[in-house]
C-alpha atoms as a PDB file:
ATOM      1  CA  MET A   1    -109.374 110.982-123.475  1.00  0.00           C
ATOM      2  CA  LEU A   2    -109.804 108.337-126.116  1.00  0.00           C
ATOM      3  CA  THR A   3    -111.588 110.751-128.419  1.00  0.00           C
ATOM      4  CA  ALA A   4    -108.761 113.266-127.916  1.00  0.00           C
ATOM      5  CA  LEU A   5    -106.396 110.702-129.444  1.00  0.00           C
ATOM      6  CA  LYS A   6    -108.444 110.215-132.606  1.00  0.00           C
ATOM      7  CA  SER A   7    -106.514 112.989-134.353  1.00  0.00           C
ATOM      8  CA  GLY A   8    -103.257 111.098-133.842  1.00  0.00           C
ATOM      9  CA  PRO A   9    -100.581 110.278-131.269  1.00  0.00           C
ATOM     10  CA  LYS A  10    -100.018 112.796-128.493  1.00  0.00           C
ATOM     11  CA  TYR A  11     -97.995 113.310-125.362  1.00  0.00           C
ATOM     12  CA  ALA A  12     -99.739 112.794-122.021  1.00  0.00           C
ATOM     13  CA  THR A  13     -99.254 116.465-121.130  1.00  0.00           C
ATOM     14  CA  ILE A  14    -101.178 117.523-124.232  1.00  0.00           C
ATOM     15  CA  ILE A  15    -103.974 115.047-123.487  1.00  0.00           C
ATOM     16  CA  ALA A  16    -104.177 116.345-119.903  1.00  0.00           C
ATOM     17  CA  LYS A  17    -104.557 119.928-121.132  1.00  0.00           C
ATOM     18  CA  GLU A  18    -107.112 119.050-123.820  1.00  0.00           C
ATOM     19  CA  THR A  19    -109.250 117.075-121.376  1.00  0.00           C
ATOM     20  CA  ASP A  20    -108.779 119.473-118.439  1.00  0.00           C
ATOM     21  CA  CYS A  21    -107.369 116.763-116.159  1.00  0.00           C
ATOM     22  CA  THR A  22    -104.297 116.726-113.997  1.00  0.00           C
ATOM     23  CA  TYR A  23    -101.235 115.094-115.470  1.00  0.00           C
ATOM     24  CA  SER A  24    -101.145 112.406-112.766  1.00  0.00           C
ATOM     25  CA  HIS A  25    -104.808 111.497-113.312  1.00  0.00           C
ATOM     26  CA  THR A  26    -104.256 111.389-117.066  1.00  0.00           C
ATOM     27  CA  VAL A  27    -101.278 109.029-116.696  1.00  0.00           C
ATOM     28  CA  LYS A  28    -103.247 106.734-114.363  1.00  0.00           C
ATOM     29  CA  LEU A  29    -106.101 106.521-116.865  1.00  0.00           C
ATOM     30  CA  LEU A  30    -103.735 105.972-119.783  1.00  0.00           C
ATOM     31  CA  ASP A  31    -102.059 103.112-117.890  1.00  0.00           C
ATOM     32  CA  LEU A  32    -105.505 101.591-117.342  1.00  0.00           C
ATOM     33  CA  PHE A  33    -106.360 102.102-121.026  1.00  0.00           C
ATOM     34  CA  GLU A  34    -103.140 100.270-121.917  1.00  0.00           C
ATOM     35  CA  GLU A  35    -104.208  97.303-119.775  1.00  0.00           C
ATOM     36  CA  PHE A  36    -107.466  97.162-121.770  1.00  0.00           C
ATOM     37  CA  ASP A  37    -105.493  97.355-125.056  1.00  0.00           C
ATOM     38  CA  LEU A  38    -106.992 100.737-125.943  1.00  0.00           C
ATOM     39  CA  VAL A  39    -103.700 102.648-126.225  1.00  0.00           C
ATOM     40  CA  ASP A  40    -100.032 101.958-126.862  1.00  0.00           C
ATOM     41  CA  PHE A  41     -97.051 103.930-125.598  1.00  0.00           C
ATOM     42  CA  GLU A  42     -94.111 104.742-127.818  1.00  0.00           C
ATOM     43  CA  LYS A  43     -90.997 106.042-126.054  1.00  0.00           C
ATOM     44  CA  LYS A  44     -89.403 109.179-127.458  1.00  0.00           C
ATOM     45  CA  GLY A  45     -86.414 109.682-125.195  1.00  0.00           C
ATOM     46  CA  ARG A  46     -87.758 110.195-121.686  1.00  0.00           C
ATOM     47  CA  ILE A  47     -91.247 111.064-122.910  1.00  0.00           C
ATOM     48  CA  LYS A  48     -93.958 108.616-123.982  1.00  0.00           C
ATOM     49  CA  LEU A  49     -96.097 109.235-127.024  1.00  0.00           C
ATOM     50  CA  VAL A  50     -99.610 107.805-126.643  1.00  0.00           C
ATOM     51  CA  LYS A  51    -101.580 106.408-129.570  1.00  0.00           C
ATOM     52  CA  LEU A  52    -104.788 104.467-129.997  1.00  0.00           C
ATOM     53  CA  THR A  53    -104.689 100.792-130.825  1.00  0.00           C
ATOM     54  CA  GLU A  54    -107.023  99.495-133.514  1.00  0.00           C
ATOM     55  CA  PHE A  55    -109.444  98.433-130.774  1.00  0.00           C
ATOM     56  CA  GLY A  56    -109.068 101.814-129.046  1.00  0.00           C
ATOM     57  CA  ASP A  57    -109.879 103.599-132.301  1.00  0.00           C
ATOM     58  CA  GLU A  58    -113.078 101.570-132.665  1.00  0.00           C
ATOM     59  CA  ILE A  59    -114.083 102.425-129.085  1.00  0.00           C
ATOM     60  CA  ALA A  60    -113.288 106.137-129.612  1.00  0.00           C
ATOM     61  CA  LYS A  61    -115.462 106.231-132.745  1.00  0.00           C
ATOM     62  CA  THR A  62    -118.297 104.501-130.904  1.00  0.00           C
ATOM     63  CA  MET A  63    -117.983 106.991-128.049  1.00  0.00           C
ATOM     64  CA  ASP A  64    -118.228 109.878-130.531  1.00  0.00           C
ATOM     65  CA  VAL A  65    -121.472 108.472-131.882  1.00  0.00           C
ATOM     66  CA  LEU A  66    -122.851 107.996-128.362  1.00  0.00           C
ATOM     67  CA  LEU A  67    -121.891 111.518-127.308  1.00  0.00           C
ATOM     68  CA  MET A  68    -123.491 112.919-130.446  1.00  0.00           C
ATOM     69  CA  ARG A  69    -126.685 110.972-129.742  1.00  0.00           C
ATOM     70  CA  LEU A  70    -126.770 112.152-126.132  1.00  0.00           C
ATOM     71  CA  SER A  71    -126.304 115.792-127.115  1.00  0.00           C
ATOM     72  CA  ASN A  72    -128.989 115.560-129.845  1.00  0.00           C
ATOM     73  CA  PRO A  73    -131.379 112.781-128.802  1.00  0.00           C
ATOM     74  CA  LYS A  74    -133.935 113.519-131.534  1.00  0.00           C
ATOM     75  CA  GLU A  75    -131.390 113.528-134.366  1.00  0.00           C
ATOM     76  CA  LYS A  76    -130.645 110.306-136.211  1.00  0.00           C
ATOM     77  CA  VAL A  77    -126.994 109.395-136.622  1.00  0.00           C
END
């Protein structure tokens, strides 16, 4: 989910669809991510827009590198 937010702020429904998770599971994880200062919520009427914090962006970039290494273990990153 964090890597899905690298392209910019999104609504939880969009994140749920992109990550193939239920909406309720996505919201639970996003609330947990907020506790760890990985994401911030910005209210737009009744809907919350989710965006990465600076720390969350660093973690998302690190996760991208790790996923790339795991998918191509012999390649150097």
